[in-house]
């Protein structure tokens, strides 16, 4: 049976970006996303249930599912 990938917490996603030397805004722009939307998902103001917020949560590894785009 396939092993499920462990999901990250928003704090873990922030630390991963930092470890890669990326700012949240820089990662958002590189992925064609609005920085404000990424900040909203990471802060919990938007849970990432639908649309762009869902894609952001999936790309950051916070949520399972499929995103319409690939992370850079």
N, C-alpha and C. Protein backbone atom coordinates (compact mmCIF):
# COMPACT_ATOMS: atom_id res chain seq x y z
N UNK A 1 0.83 -1.17 0.00
CA UNK A 1 0.00 0.00 0.00
C UNK A 1 0.89 1.25 0.00
N UNK A 2 0.50 2.25 -0.78
CA UNK A 2 1.29 3.47 -0.88
C UNK A 2 1.25 4.25 0.42
N UNK A 3 2.38 4.81 0.76
CA UNK A 3 2.47 5.60 1.98
C UNK A 3 2.01 7.02 1.71
N UNK A 4 1.18 7.55 2.58
CA UNK A 4 0.67 8.90 2.40
C UNK A 4 1.74 9.92 2.77
N UNK A 5 1.79 10.98 2.00
CA UNK A 5 2.72 12.06 2.27
C UNK A 5 2.23 12.84 3.48
N UNK A 6 3.14 13.13 4.39
CA UNK A 6 2.80 13.87 5.59
C UNK A 6 2.52 15.33 5.23
N UNK A 7 1.41 15.84 5.70
CA UNK A 7 1.08 17.23 5.43
C UNK A 7 1.87 18.15 6.35
N UNK A 8 2.14 19.34 5.87
CA UNK A 8 2.82 20.35 6.66
C UNK A 8 1.81 21.22 7.37
N UNK A 9 2.23 21.80 8.45
CA UNK A 9 1.45 22.85 9.08
C UNK A 9 1.82 24.15 8.35
N UNK A 10 1.00 25.19 8.48
CA UNK A 10 1.39 26.46 7.87
C UNK A 10 2.75 26.96 8.36
N UNK A 11 3.06 26.77 9.65
CA UNK A 11 4.37 27.18 10.16
C UNK A 11 5.50 26.40 9.51
N UNK A 12 5.29 25.10 9.30
CA UNK A 12 6.29 24.28 8.63
C UNK A 12 6.49 24.74 7.19
N UNK A 13 5.41 25.10 6.52
CA UNK A 13 5.51 25.59 5.14
C UNK A 13 6.30 26.89 5.10
N UNK A 14 6.05 27.78 6.06
CA UNK A 14 6.82 29.04 6.15
C UNK A 14 8.31 28.75 6.35
N UNK A 15 8.62 27.84 7.29
CA UNK A 15 10.01 27.51 7.57
C UNK A 15 10.69 26.87 6.35
N UNK A 16 9.95 26.06 5.60
CA UNK A 16 10.51 25.43 4.39
C UNK A 16 10.86 26.49 3.35
N UNK A 17 9.99 27.46 3.16
CA UNK A 17 10.30 28.54 2.22
C UNK A 17 11.54 29.30 2.69
N UNK A 18 11.59 29.58 3.99
CA UNK A 18 12.73 30.30 4.56
C UNK A 18 14.03 29.49 4.37
N UNK A 19 13.96 28.18 4.59
CA UNK A 19 15.13 27.32 4.43
C UNK A 19 15.63 27.32 2.99
N UNK A 20 14.73 27.53 2.05
CA UNK A 20 15.09 27.59 0.63
C UNK A 20 15.53 28.98 0.21
N UNK A 21 15.52 29.92 1.17
CA UNK A 21 15.93 31.29 0.88
C UNK A 21 14.88 32.07 0.11
N UNK A 22 13.62 31.68 0.25
CA UNK A 22 12.52 32.33 -0.47
C UNK A 22 11.64 33.12 0.48
N UNK A 23 11.21 34.28 0.02
CA UNK A 23 10.20 35.01 0.76
C UNK A 23 8.84 34.48 0.33
N UNK A 24 7.83 34.70 1.14
CA UNK A 24 6.48 34.28 0.77
C UNK A 24 6.04 35.02 -0.49
N UNK A 25 6.29 36.32 -0.51
CA UNK A 25 5.89 37.12 -1.68
C UNK A 25 6.64 36.67 -2.93
N UNK A 26 7.93 36.38 -2.80
CA UNK A 26 8.72 35.93 -3.94
C UNK A 26 8.24 34.58 -4.47
N UNK A 27 7.93 33.65 -3.54
CA UNK A 27 7.42 32.34 -3.94
C UNK A 27 6.08 32.51 -4.65
N UNK A 28 5.23 33.38 -4.11
CA UNK A 28 3.92 33.61 -4.71
C UNK A 28 4.06 34.13 -6.14
N UNK A 29 4.88 35.15 -6.32
CA UNK A 29 5.06 35.73 -7.66
C UNK A 29 5.66 34.72 -8.63
N UNK A 30 6.63 33.93 -8.16
CA UNK A 30 7.27 32.92 -9.02
C UNK A 30 6.27 31.87 -9.47
N UNK A 31 5.23 31.68 -8.70
CA UNK A 31 4.20 30.69 -9.03
C UNK A 31 2.95 31.32 -9.63
N UNK A 32 3.04 32.59 -9.99
CA UNK A 32 1.92 33.27 -10.63
C UNK A 32 0.74 33.51 -9.71
N UNK A 33 1.04 33.68 -8.42
CA UNK A 33 -0.02 33.88 -7.41
C UNK A 33 0.12 35.25 -6.76
N UNK A 34 -0.96 35.72 -6.20
CA UNK A 34 -0.91 36.98 -5.48
C UNK A 34 -0.39 36.73 -4.07
N UNK A 35 0.62 37.48 -3.65
CA UNK A 35 1.18 37.29 -2.31
C UNK A 35 0.12 37.36 -1.21
N UNK A 36 -0.84 38.27 -1.32
CA UNK A 36 -1.87 38.41 -0.29
C UNK A 36 -2.64 37.10 -0.11
N UNK A 37 -2.90 36.39 -1.21
CA UNK A 37 -3.62 35.12 -1.11
C UNK A 37 -2.80 34.08 -0.36
N UNK A 38 -1.50 34.06 -0.62
CA UNK A 38 -0.62 33.10 0.06
C UNK A 38 -0.56 33.44 1.55
N UNK A 39 -0.40 34.71 1.88
CA UNK A 39 -0.40 35.12 3.30
C UNK A 39 -1.71 34.73 3.98
N UNK A 40 -2.83 34.88 3.29
CA UNK A 40 -4.13 34.52 3.86
C UNK A 40 -4.22 33.03 4.16
N UNK A 41 -3.71 32.20 3.28
CA UNK A 41 -3.74 30.75 3.51
C UNK A 41 -2.81 30.40 4.68
N UNK A 42 -1.62 30.96 4.70
CA UNK A 42 -0.67 30.65 5.76
C UNK A 42 -1.11 31.14 7.13
N UNK A 43 -1.87 32.22 7.16
CA UNK A 43 -2.33 32.76 8.45
C UNK A 43 -3.62 32.10 8.94
N UNK A 44 -4.28 31.35 8.06
CA UNK A 44 -5.54 30.72 8.44
C UNK A 44 -6.76 31.57 8.14
N UNK A 45 -6.56 32.77 7.59
CA UNK A 45 -7.71 33.60 7.22
C UNK A 45 -8.50 32.98 6.08
N UNK A 46 -7.81 32.18 5.27
CA UNK A 46 -8.46 31.44 4.19
C UNK A 46 -8.01 29.99 4.32
N UNK A 47 -8.93 29.08 4.44
CA UNK A 47 -8.59 27.68 4.69
C UNK A 47 -8.21 26.90 3.44
N UNK A 48 -8.34 27.51 2.30
CA UNK A 48 -7.93 26.83 1.07
C UNK A 48 -8.87 25.74 0.61
N UNK A 49 -10.16 25.98 0.77
CA UNK A 49 -11.14 24.96 0.38
C UNK A 49 -11.42 24.94 -1.12
N UNK A 50 -11.33 26.10 -1.78
CA UNK A 50 -11.73 26.19 -3.19
C UNK A 50 -10.78 27.09 -3.96
N UNK A 51 -10.75 26.90 -5.28
CA UNK A 51 -10.08 27.81 -6.20
C UNK A 51 -8.60 28.02 -5.94
N UNK A 52 -8.19 29.27 -6.08
CA UNK A 52 -6.78 29.62 -5.93
C UNK A 52 -6.25 29.28 -4.55
N UNK A 53 -7.04 29.52 -3.52
CA UNK A 53 -6.59 29.21 -2.16
C UNK A 53 -6.34 27.71 -2.00
N UNK A 54 -7.17 26.89 -2.63
CA UNK A 54 -6.95 25.44 -2.61
C UNK A 54 -5.62 25.10 -3.27
N UNK A 55 -5.38 25.69 -4.44
CA UNK A 55 -4.12 25.46 -5.14
C UNK A 55 -2.92 25.84 -4.26
N UNK A 56 -3.01 26.97 -3.61
CA UNK A 56 -1.92 27.43 -2.74
C UNK A 56 -1.67 26.43 -1.63
N UNK A 57 -2.73 25.99 -0.97
CA UNK A 57 -2.58 25.04 0.14
C UNK A 57 -1.95 23.73 -0.35
N UNK A 58 -2.35 23.26 -1.51
CA UNK A 58 -1.79 22.02 -2.06
C UNK A 58 -0.32 22.22 -2.43
N UNK A 59 0.00 23.32 -3.10
CA UNK A 59 1.38 23.59 -3.51
C UNK A 59 2.31 23.72 -2.32
N UNK A 60 1.81 24.26 -1.21
CA UNK A 60 2.62 24.42 0.00
C UNK A 60 2.68 23.13 0.81
N UNK A 61 1.89 22.14 0.44
CA UNK A 61 1.90 20.88 1.17
C UNK A 61 1.08 20.89 2.43
N UNK A 62 0.17 21.87 2.55
CA UNK A 62 -0.69 21.99 3.72
C UNK A 62 -1.93 21.12 3.58
N UNK A 63 -2.28 20.83 2.34
CA UNK A 63 -3.52 20.11 2.04
C UNK A 63 -3.27 19.08 0.95
N UNK A 64 -4.01 17.98 0.99
CA UNK A 64 -3.91 17.00 -0.08
C UNK A 64 -4.82 17.42 -1.23
N UNK A 65 -4.59 16.85 -2.37
CA UNK A 65 -5.41 17.16 -3.53
C UNK A 65 -4.53 17.48 -4.71
N UNK A 66 -5.15 17.99 -5.74
CA UNK A 66 -4.43 18.37 -6.95
C UNK A 66 -4.61 19.85 -7.20
N UNK A 67 -3.52 20.49 -7.57
CA UNK A 67 -3.55 21.91 -7.91
C UNK A 67 -3.59 22.04 -9.43
N UNK A 68 -4.15 23.11 -9.91
CA UNK A 68 -4.22 23.34 -11.35
C UNK A 68 -2.88 23.73 -11.93
N UNK A 69 -1.93 24.08 -11.07
CA UNK A 69 -0.61 24.49 -11.55
C UNK A 69 0.45 23.73 -10.77
N UNK A 70 1.68 23.80 -11.26
CA UNK A 70 2.82 23.15 -10.61
C UNK A 70 3.63 24.21 -9.88
N UNK A 71 4.18 23.86 -8.73
CA UNK A 71 5.03 24.80 -8.00
C UNK A 71 6.38 24.93 -8.69
N UNK A 72 6.91 26.14 -8.66
CA UNK A 72 8.24 26.40 -9.24
C UNK A 72 9.27 26.17 -8.18
